[in-house]
Amino acid sequence: MGALLGLLFGLGGLLVWRSGHRAPPRRPRDHRLRERLRELLVQAGVEGVSPGQLVSVSAVLGVLTAVLVLLGSRVPLIALLFGVFAASAPLLLVRRRRAQRTAELRDVWPEAVDNLASGVRAGLSLPEALTQLGVRGPDQLRSAFRRFGEDYRATGRFGESLDRLKANLSDPVGDRVVEALRMAREVGGTDLGRLLRTLSGFLREDARTRAELETRQGWTVNAARLALCAPWVLLLLLSSTPSAVAAYNTPAGSVVLLAGGGVSLLAYRVMMRVARLPVERRVLR
């Protein structure tokens, strides 16, 4: 009897311990990096390119640039630095494209929400109004809403189709619009038109304010980038003449190059942090 009671007590303790809070398993670092690159490519509107392909292109470009600069300058450290610069160029271009596309979507979302409100006022159901955006909506959003329409017609599951729409858009404003529509669909009511009109006005005012700020700071940021790149462009031009850069093939020259690279990197990071406007994050994934 005592053994049975001890066994039952131990089993109960095991069940209590197993039912306790468990920290979610951490994903491997490479998996998180791959997910971030994939989201970056989606936000930039780059289709048909995987994170692995982006990394491969960066590596090949960096190696080719390093070899070409080494052949011209005969200074390995200069070749290495320009190889690093070239390898980072694809990622910088994708980030620049993401910023441009985010600004474009910010400008067209009010029009898309107005189209949704008009469709709902005309008596269309919410899935039909969303599907119509794939035909009559802004050009930048048509492909995502066209895929939503195809997915909804194939599955008939509105919630899952909205989740895939959010993944295709990968946009903070899109997340807010999708979640507002999901809530309106689940709760019901007659205030959807008013909600959409209010959201459209808010998005339009936010886009106008941010556009004014970006215009005012644009020339300052471009001038800072030009001042940062000018010494390295001059060094690249001098590298075509090995005798002009022979001094950098010494320990003192290496220290100067490394110090210049570190200062340039630090100055670029400080410049981007100072000039950065508050960025809306995707909190409603």
Protein backbone atom coordinates (compact mmCIF):
# COMPACT_ATOMS: atom_id res chain seq x y z
CA MET A 1 0.00 0.00 0.00
CA GLY A 2 2.83 2.37 0.85
CA ALA A 3 4.57 1.63 -2.42
CA LEU A 4 1.37 2.34 -4.34
CA LEU A 5 0.90 5.66 -2.53
CA GLY A 6 4.50 6.62 -3.23
CA LEU A 7 4.08 5.73 -6.90
CA LEU A 8 0.90 7.79 -7.17
CA PHE A 9 2.56 10.74 -5.40
CA GLY A 10 5.56 10.58 -7.72
CA LEU A 11 3.29 10.33 -10.78
CA GLY A 12 1.31 13.36 -9.59
CA GLY A 13 4.49 15.35 -9.05
CA LEU A 14 5.68 14.42 -12.53
CA LEU A 15 2.38 15.57 -14.08
CA VAL A 16 2.51 18.87 -12.18
CA TRP A 17 6.08 19.44 -13.32
CA ARG A 18 5.25 18.57 -16.93
CA SER A 19 2.30 20.97 -16.93
CA GLY A 20 4.46 23.92 -15.89
CA HIS A 21 5.52 26.81 -18.10
CA ARG A 22 7.92 25.94 -20.87
CA ALA A 23 10.09 28.47 -22.66
CA PRO A 24 9.52 28.30 -26.43
CA PRO A 25 12.33 26.51 -28.22
CA ARG A 26 14.83 28.92 -29.65
CA ARG A 27 15.34 28.75 -33.36
CA PRO A 28 18.89 28.35 -34.65
CA ARG A 29 20.66 31.59 -35.44
CA ASP A 30 21.04 30.74 -39.13
CA HIS A 31 17.31 30.05 -39.37
CA ARG A 32 16.49 33.45 -37.86
CA LEU A 33 18.90 35.15 -40.24
CA ARG A 34 17.31 33.34 -43.18
CA GLU A 35 13.85 34.45 -42.08
CA ARG A 36 14.98 38.06 -41.75
CA LEU A 37 16.51 38.01 -45.22
CA ARG A 38 13.38 36.42 -46.66
CA GLU A 39 11.19 39.10 -45.10
CA LEU A 40 13.56 41.80 -46.35
CA LEU A 41 13.28 40.48 -49.92
CA VAL A 42 9.49 40.34 -49.68
CA GLN A 43 9.30 43.88 -48.31
CA ALA A 44 11.57 45.07 -51.13
CA GLY A 45 9.29 43.45 -53.71
CA VAL A 46 12.10 41.23 -55.03
CA GLU A 47 10.44 38.07 -56.29
CA GLY A 48 12.18 34.89 -57.39
CA VAL A 49 15.28 35.48 -55.23
CA SER A 50 15.89 33.38 -52.13
CA PRO A 51 18.04 34.38 -49.13
CA GLY A 52 20.64 31.83 -50.18
CA GLN A 53 20.88 33.35 -53.65
CA LEU A 54 21.29 36.83 -52.18
CA VAL A 55 24.14 35.64 -49.96
CA SER A 56 25.75 33.80 -52.90
CA VAL A 57 25.61 36.86 -55.14
CA SER A 58 27.15 38.99 -52.38
CA ALA A 59 29.97 36.50 -51.85
CA VAL A 60 30.75 36.16 -55.58
CA LEU A 61 30.68 39.93 -56.08
CA GLY A 62 32.97 40.46 -53.10
CA VAL A 63 35.51 37.88 -54.30
CA LEU A 64 35.55 39.19 -57.87
CA THR A 65 36.00 42.76 -56.71
CA ALA A 66 38.80 41.78 -54.34
CA VAL A 67 40.62 39.90 -57.11
CA LEU A 68 40.30 42.78 -59.57
CA VAL A 69 41.50 45.36 -57.06
CA LEU A 70 44.38 43.09 -56.02
CA LEU A 71 45.49 42.75 -59.65
CA GLY A 72 45.46 46.52 -60.05
CA SER A 73 46.90 47.68 -56.71
CA ARG A 74 49.05 44.76 -55.53
CA VAL A 75 47.94 45.64 -51.96
CA PRO A 76 46.02 42.74 -50.33
CA LEU A 77 44.43 44.90 -47.59
CA ILE A 78 43.00 47.38 -50.10
CA ALA A 79 41.61 44.47 -52.10
CA LEU A 80 40.08 42.96 -48.97
CA LEU A 81 38.41 46.24 -47.95
CA PHE A 82 36.89 46.83 -51.37
CA GLY A 83 35.80 43.20 -51.49
CA VAL A 84 33.90 43.74 -48.24
CA PHE A 85 32.35 46.92 -49.64
CA ALA A 86 31.26 45.14 -52.81
CA ALA A 87 29.86 42.16 -50.87
CA SER A 88 27.65 44.48 -48.84
CA ALA A 89 26.35 46.32 -51.93
CA PRO A 90 23.50 43.85 -52.79
CA LEU A 91 22.16 43.98 -49.24
CA LEU A 92 22.30 47.79 -49.24
CA LEU A 93 20.49 47.90 -52.59
CA VAL A 94 17.76 45.59 -51.29
CA ARG A 95 17.36 47.73 -48.16
CA ARG A 96 17.15 50.86 -50.30
CA ARG A 97 14.52 49.20 -52.46
CA ARG A 98 12.60 48.23 -49.33
CA ALA A 99 12.59 51.86 -48.15
CA GLN A 100 11.35 53.02 -51.56
CA ARG A 101 8.63 50.38 -51.69
CA THR A 102 7.53 51.14 -48.12
CA ALA A 103 7.13 54.79 -49.08
CA GLU A 104 5.16 53.80 -52.20
CA LEU A 105 2.83 51.54 -50.23
CA ARG A 106 2.35 54.20 -47.59
CA ASP A 107 1.08 56.56 -50.31
CA VAL A 108 -1.33 54.06 -51.91
CA TRP A 109 -2.84 52.44 -48.81
CA PRO A 110 -5.39 55.27 -48.29
CA GLU A 111 -6.64 54.74 -51.85
CA ALA A 112 -6.89 50.98 -51.26
CA VAL A 113 -8.86 51.49 -48.05
CA ASP A 114 -11.17 53.94 -49.85
CA ASN A 115 -11.79 51.29 -52.52
CA LEU A 116 -12.62 48.78 -49.79
CA ALA A 117 -15.08 51.20 -48.19
CA SER A 118 -16.71 51.84 -51.56
CA GLY A 119 -17.06 48.13 -52.23
CA VAL A 120 -18.62 47.49 -48.82
CA ARG A 121 -21.00 50.43 -49.35
CA ALA A 122 -21.98 48.96 -52.72
CA GLY A 123 -23.09 45.75 -51.01
CA LEU A 124 -20.07 43.52 -51.68
CA SER A 125 -19.03 41.06 -49.02
CA LEU A 126 -15.65 41.62 -47.38
CA PRO A 127 -13.85 38.82 -49.31
CA GLU A 128 -15.33 40.13 -52.58
CA ALA A 129 -14.23 43.68 -51.81
CA LEU A 130 -10.71 42.47 -51.04
CA THR A 131 -10.62 40.40 -54.23
CA GLN A 132 -11.66 43.44 -56.26
CA LEU A 133 -8.50 45.21 -55.14
CA GLY A 134 -6.58 42.72 -57.25
CA VAL A 135 -8.29 44.21 -60.30
CA ARG A 136 -9.13 47.82 -59.47
CA GLY A 137 -6.78 48.60 -56.61
CA PRO A 138 -3.44 50.44 -56.76
CA ASP A 139 -0.86 48.79 -59.01
CA GLN A 140 1.60 48.21 -56.15
CA LEU A 141 -0.95 46.09 -54.25
CA ARG A 142 -2.75 44.26 -57.04
CA SER A 143 -0.55 41.16 -57.10
CA ALA A 144 -0.94 40.51 -53.35
CA PHE A 145 -4.74 40.91 -53.43
CA ARG A 146 -4.97 38.86 -56.63
CA ARG A 147 -3.24 36.01 -54.82
CA PHE A 148 -5.64 36.51 -51.91
CA GLY A 149 -8.61 36.12 -54.26
CA GLU A 150 -7.17 32.95 -55.79
CA ASP A 151 -6.42 31.50 -52.38
CA TYR A 152 -9.86 32.32 -50.98
CA ARG A 153 -11.63 30.82 -53.99
CA ALA A 154 -9.54 27.67 -53.63
CA THR A 155 -9.96 27.19 -49.86
CA GLY A 156 -12.94 29.30 -48.75
CA ARG A 157 -11.10 30.00 -45.46
CA PHE A 158 -11.08 33.74 -44.87
CA GLY A 159 -8.79 33.76 -41.81
CA GLU A 160 -6.07 31.64 -43.42
CA SER A 161 -6.27 33.68 -46.61
CA LEU A 162 -5.77 36.85 -44.56
CA ASP A 163 -2.71 35.32 -42.90
CA ARG A 164 -1.18 34.57 -46.29
CA LEU A 165 -2.09 38.08 -47.46
CA LYS A 166 -0.16 39.53 -44.52
CA ALA A 167 2.83 37.36 -45.37
CA ASN A 168 2.73 38.47 -49.01
CA LEU A 169 2.50 42.14 -48.08
CA SER A 170 4.98 42.09 -45.15
CA ASP A 171 3.99 45.68 -44.45
CA PRO A 172 3.14 47.29 -41.07
CA VAL A 173 0.23 49.26 -42.54
CA GLY A 174 -1.01 46.12 -44.27
CA ASP A 175 -0.93 44.28 -40.94
CA ARG A 176 -3.14 46.92 -39.34
CA VAL A 177 -5.61 46.90 -42.22
CA VAL A 178 -5.79 43.10 -42.29
CA GLU A 179 -6.32 42.80 -38.54
CA ALA A 180 -9.02 45.50 -38.61
CA LEU A 181 -10.82 43.58 -41.35
CA ARG A 182 -10.43 40.30 -39.46
CA MET A 183 -11.96 41.84 -36.35
CA ALA A 184 -14.81 43.37 -38.36
CA ARG A 185 -15.50 39.98 -39.96
CA GLU A 186 -15.51 38.11 -36.64
CA VAL A 187 -17.42 40.68 -34.56
CA GLY A 188 -19.82 41.87 -37.25
CA GLY A 189 -21.80 45.08 -37.03
CA THR A 190 -22.60 48.00 -39.30
CA ASP A 191 -19.62 50.25 -38.49
CA LEU A 192 -17.19 48.75 -41.01
CA GLY A 193 -17.63 51.61 -43.47
CA ARG A 194 -17.00 54.21 -40.77
CA LEU A 195 -13.97 52.25 -39.54
CA LEU A 196 -12.48 52.14 -43.03
CA ARG A 197 -13.05 55.86 -43.63
CA THR A 198 -11.42 56.74 -40.30
CA LEU A 199 -8.46 54.46 -41.07
CA SER A 200 -8.07 56.01 -44.52
CA GLY A 201 -7.94 59.53 -43.08
CA PHE A 202 -5.38 58.50 -40.49
CA LEU A 203 -3.15 56.79 -43.07
CA ARG A 204 -3.35 59.76 -45.43
CA GLU A 205 -2.32 62.21 -42.70
CA ASP A 206 0.53 59.96 -41.55
CA ALA A 207 1.84 59.60 -45.13
CA ARG A 208 1.73 63.37 -45.66
CA THR A 209 3.66 64.12 -42.47
CA ARG A 210 6.33 61.50 -43.10
CA ALA A 211 6.81 62.63 -46.71
CA GLU A 212 7.50 66.19 -45.54
CA LEU A 213 10.07 64.99 -43.01
CA GLU A 214 11.82 62.72 -45.53
CA THR A 215 12.02 65.54 -48.08
CA ARG A 216 13.62 67.91 -45.59
CA GLN A 217 16.27 65.45 -44.45
CA GLY A 218 16.98 63.85 -47.86
CA TRP A 219 19.54 66.37 -49.09
CA THR A 220 21.46 66.25 -45.79
CA VAL A 221 21.71 62.46 -45.84
CA ASN A 222 22.81 62.40 -49.50
CA ALA A 223 25.51 64.99 -48.82
CA ALA A 224 26.78 62.96 -45.86
CA ARG A 225 26.91 59.80 -47.98
CA LEU A 226 28.87 61.62 -50.68
CA ALA A 227 31.39 62.93 -48.14
CA LEU A 228 31.77 59.42 -46.73
CA CYS A 229 32.33 57.73 -50.10
CA ALA A 230 34.66 60.35 -51.61
CA PRO A 231 37.93 59.19 -49.94
CA TRP A 232 37.31 55.56 -50.89
CA VAL A 233 36.50 56.45 -54.49
CA LEU A 234 39.79 58.37 -54.63
CA LEU A 235 41.64 55.40 -53.16
CA LEU A 236 40.05 53.11 -55.77
CA LEU A 237 41.22 55.43 -58.56
CA LEU A 238 44.73 55.52 -57.11
CA SER A 239 44.76 51.72 -56.91
CA SER A 240 45.03 51.52 -60.69
CA THR A 241 48.63 52.74 -60.24
CA PRO A 242 50.51 50.35 -57.89
CA SER A 243 53.27 52.88 -57.20
CA ALA A 244 50.72 55.39 -55.89
CA VAL A 245 49.44 53.00 -53.21
CA ALA A 246 52.67 51.16 -52.43
CA ALA A 247 52.87 52.97 -49.09
CA TYR A 248 49.73 51.15 -47.94
CA ASN A 249 51.53 47.80 -48.34
CA THR A 250 53.41 48.45 -45.08
CA PRO A 251 52.42 47.96 -41.42
CA ALA A 252 51.85 51.71 -40.99
CA GLY A 253 49.78 51.84 -44.17
CA SER A 254 47.71 48.89 -43.00
CA VAL A 255 46.98 50.69 -39.73
CA VAL A 256 45.86 53.77 -41.68
CA LEU A 257 43.56 51.69 -43.89
CA LEU A 258 42.03 49.78 -40.97
CA ALA A 259 41.56 52.97 -38.98
CA GLY A 260 39.96 54.67 -41.98
CA GLY A 261 37.65 51.71 -42.54
CA GLY A 262 36.63 51.65 -38.88
CA VAL A 263 36.01 55.41 -38.79
CA SER A 264 33.98 55.23 -42.02
CA LEU A 265 31.84 52.40 -40.68
CA LEU A 266 31.29 54.20 -37.38
CA ALA A 267 30.46 57.47 -39.15
CA TYR A 268 27.99 55.72 -41.44
CA ARG A 269 26.21 54.04 -38.53
CA VAL A 270 26.03 57.28 -36.57
CA MET A 271 24.77 59.16 -39.62
CA MET A 272 22.01 56.63 -40.29
CA ARG A 273 20.98 56.57 -36.63
CA VAL A 274 20.82 60.36 -36.36
CA ALA A 275 18.89 60.72 -39.64
CA ARG A 276 16.58 57.77 -39.04
CA LEU A 277 12.90 58.52 -38.67
CA PRO A 278 10.77 56.35 -36.37
CA VAL A 279 10.02 53.15 -38.28
CA GLU A 280 6.74 51.36 -37.73
CA ARG A 281 7.42 47.75 -36.83
CA ARG A 282 5.32 44.72 -37.66
CA VAL A 283 3.79 43.99 -34.27
CA LEU A 284 0.66 42.33 -35.70
CA ARG A 285 2.32 39.46 -37.54
